[in-house]
């Protein structure tokens, strides 16, 4: 699958700030002029990525605090 969106920004998956910025980013950022249907489709695509970002951060945080 090819990327739908690309940016020069490289968020740090171990940074709580970067993860929160992505997770809390509203769908309208990705489709500012999109229809309600388009925004719903983007939200559906982003949901697993947001869940994965949280999971990765929690795993990294657990490893940091365990060591």
C-alpha atoms as a PDB file:
ATOM      1  CA  UNK A   1       0.000   0.000   0.000  1.00  0.00           C
ATOM      2  CA  UNK A   2       1.414   3.391  -0.893  1.00  0.00           C
ATOM      3  CA  UNK A   3       1.326   6.423   1.355  1.00  0.00           C
ATOM      4  CA  UNK A   4      -1.688   8.664   1.018  1.00  0.00           C
ATOM      5  CA  UNK A   5      -0.011  11.567   2.730  1.00  0.00           C
ATOM      6  CA  UNK A   6       3.634  12.400   3.217  1.00  0.00           C
ATOM      7  CA  UNK A   7       5.382  15.109   5.151  1.00  0.00           C
ATOM      8  CA  UNK A   8       8.891  16.085   6.129  1.00  0.00           C
ATOM      9  CA  UNK A   9       7.877  15.757   9.769  1.00  0.00           C
ATOM     10  CA  UNK A  10       9.213  12.665  11.499  1.00  0.00           C
ATOM     11  CA  UNK A  11       7.281  12.183  14.759  1.00  0.00           C
ATOM     12  CA  UNK A  12       9.111  10.353  17.512  1.00  0.00           C
ATOM     13  CA  UNK A  13       7.040   7.290  18.495  1.00  0.00           C
ATOM     14  CA  UNK A  14       8.634   7.383  21.967  1.00  0.00           C
ATOM     15  CA  UNK A  15       7.632  10.996  22.586  1.00  0.00           C
ATOM     16  CA  UNK A  16       4.343  11.391  24.456  1.00  0.00           C
ATOM     17  CA  UNK A  17       3.971  14.847  22.933  1.00  0.00           C
ATOM     18  CA  UNK A  18       4.371  13.585  19.361  1.00  0.00           C
ATOM     19  CA  UNK A  19       1.994  10.671  19.930  1.00  0.00           C
ATOM     20  CA  UNK A  20      -0.625  12.901  21.547  1.00  0.00           C
ATOM     21  CA  UNK A  21      -0.309  15.459  18.747  1.00  0.00           C
ATOM     22  CA  UNK A  22      -1.076  12.744  16.207  1.00  0.00           C
ATOM     23  CA  UNK A  23      -3.819  11.045  18.210  1.00  0.00           C
ATOM     24  CA  UNK A  24      -5.606  14.301  19.036  1.00  0.00           C
ATOM     25  CA  UNK A  25      -5.199  15.763  15.539  1.00  0.00           C
ATOM     26  CA  UNK A  26      -8.682  16.308  14.091  1.00  0.00           C
ATOM     27  CA  UNK A  27      -9.669  14.640  10.827  1.00  0.00           C
ATOM     28  CA  UNK A  28     -10.246  18.062   9.257  1.00  0.00           C
ATOM     29  CA  UNK A  29      -6.469  18.547   9.178  1.00  0.00           C
ATOM     30  CA  UNK A  30      -6.227  15.715   6.656  1.00  0.00           C
ATOM     31  CA  UNK A  31      -9.289  16.767   4.629  1.00  0.00           C
ATOM     32  CA  UNK A  32     -10.010  20.451   5.306  1.00  0.00           C
ATOM     33  CA  UNK A  33     -12.398  20.814   2.359  1.00  0.00           C
ATOM     34  CA  UNK A  34     -13.653  17.242   2.336  1.00  0.00           C
ATOM     35  CA  UNK A  35     -17.226  16.147   2.542  1.00  0.00           C
ATOM     36  CA  UNK A  36     -18.603  14.453   5.635  1.00  0.00           C
ATOM     37  CA  UNK A  37     -18.315  11.115   3.838  1.00  0.00           C
ATOM     38  CA  UNK A  38     -14.645  11.766   3.002  1.00  0.00           C
ATOM     39  CA  UNK A  39     -13.887  12.748   6.599  1.00  0.00           C
ATOM     40  CA  UNK A  40     -15.561   9.578   7.873  1.00  0.00           C
ATOM     41  CA  UNK A  41     -13.440   7.473   5.508  1.00  0.00           C
ATOM     42  CA  UNK A  42     -10.247   9.216   6.642  1.00  0.00           C
ATOM     43  CA  UNK A  43     -11.194   8.786  10.304  1.00  0.00           C
ATOM     44  CA  UNK A  44     -11.714   5.079   9.653  1.00  0.00           C
ATOM     45  CA  UNK A  45      -8.271   4.808   8.035  1.00  0.00           C
ATOM     46  CA  UNK A  46      -6.551   6.822  10.769  1.00  0.00           C
ATOM     47  CA  UNK A  47      -8.089   4.961  13.690  1.00  0.00           C
ATOM     48  CA  UNK A  48      -5.814   1.894  13.465  1.00  0.00           C
ATOM     49  CA  UNK A  49      -2.746   4.118  12.989  1.00  0.00           C
ATOM     50  CA  UNK A  50      -3.653   6.115  16.084  1.00  0.00           C
ATOM     51  CA  UNK A  51      -4.216   2.941  18.096  1.00  0.00           C
ATOM     52  CA  UNK A  52      -0.839   1.608  16.916  1.00  0.00           C
ATOM     53  CA  UNK A  53       0.905   4.867  17.879  1.00  0.00           C
ATOM     54  CA  UNK A  54      -0.527   4.612  21.400  1.00  0.00           C
ATOM     55  CA  UNK A  55       0.397   0.930  21.677  1.00  0.00           C
ATOM     56  CA  UNK A  56       3.992   1.564  20.551  1.00  0.00           C
ATOM     57  CA  UNK A  57       4.385   4.477  22.936  1.00  0.00           C
ATOM     58  CA  UNK A  58       3.016   2.434  25.852  1.00  0.00           C
ATOM     59  CA  UNK A  59       5.408  -0.423  25.079  1.00  0.00           C
ATOM     60  CA  UNK A  60       8.375   1.944  24.861  1.00  0.00           C
ATOM     61  CA  UNK A  61       7.331   3.680  28.081  1.00  0.00           C
ATOM     62  CA  UNK A  62       7.023   0.324  29.847  1.00  0.00           C
ATOM     63  CA  UNK A  63      10.512  -0.666  28.707  1.00  0.00           C
ATOM     64  CA  UNK A  64      11.955   2.690  29.819  1.00  0.00           C
ATOM     65  CA  UNK A  65      10.430   2.427  33.289  1.00  0.00           C
ATOM     66  CA  UNK A  66      11.217  -1.294  33.685  1.00  0.00           C
ATOM     67  CA  UNK A  67      14.934  -0.761  33.131  1.00  0.00           C
END
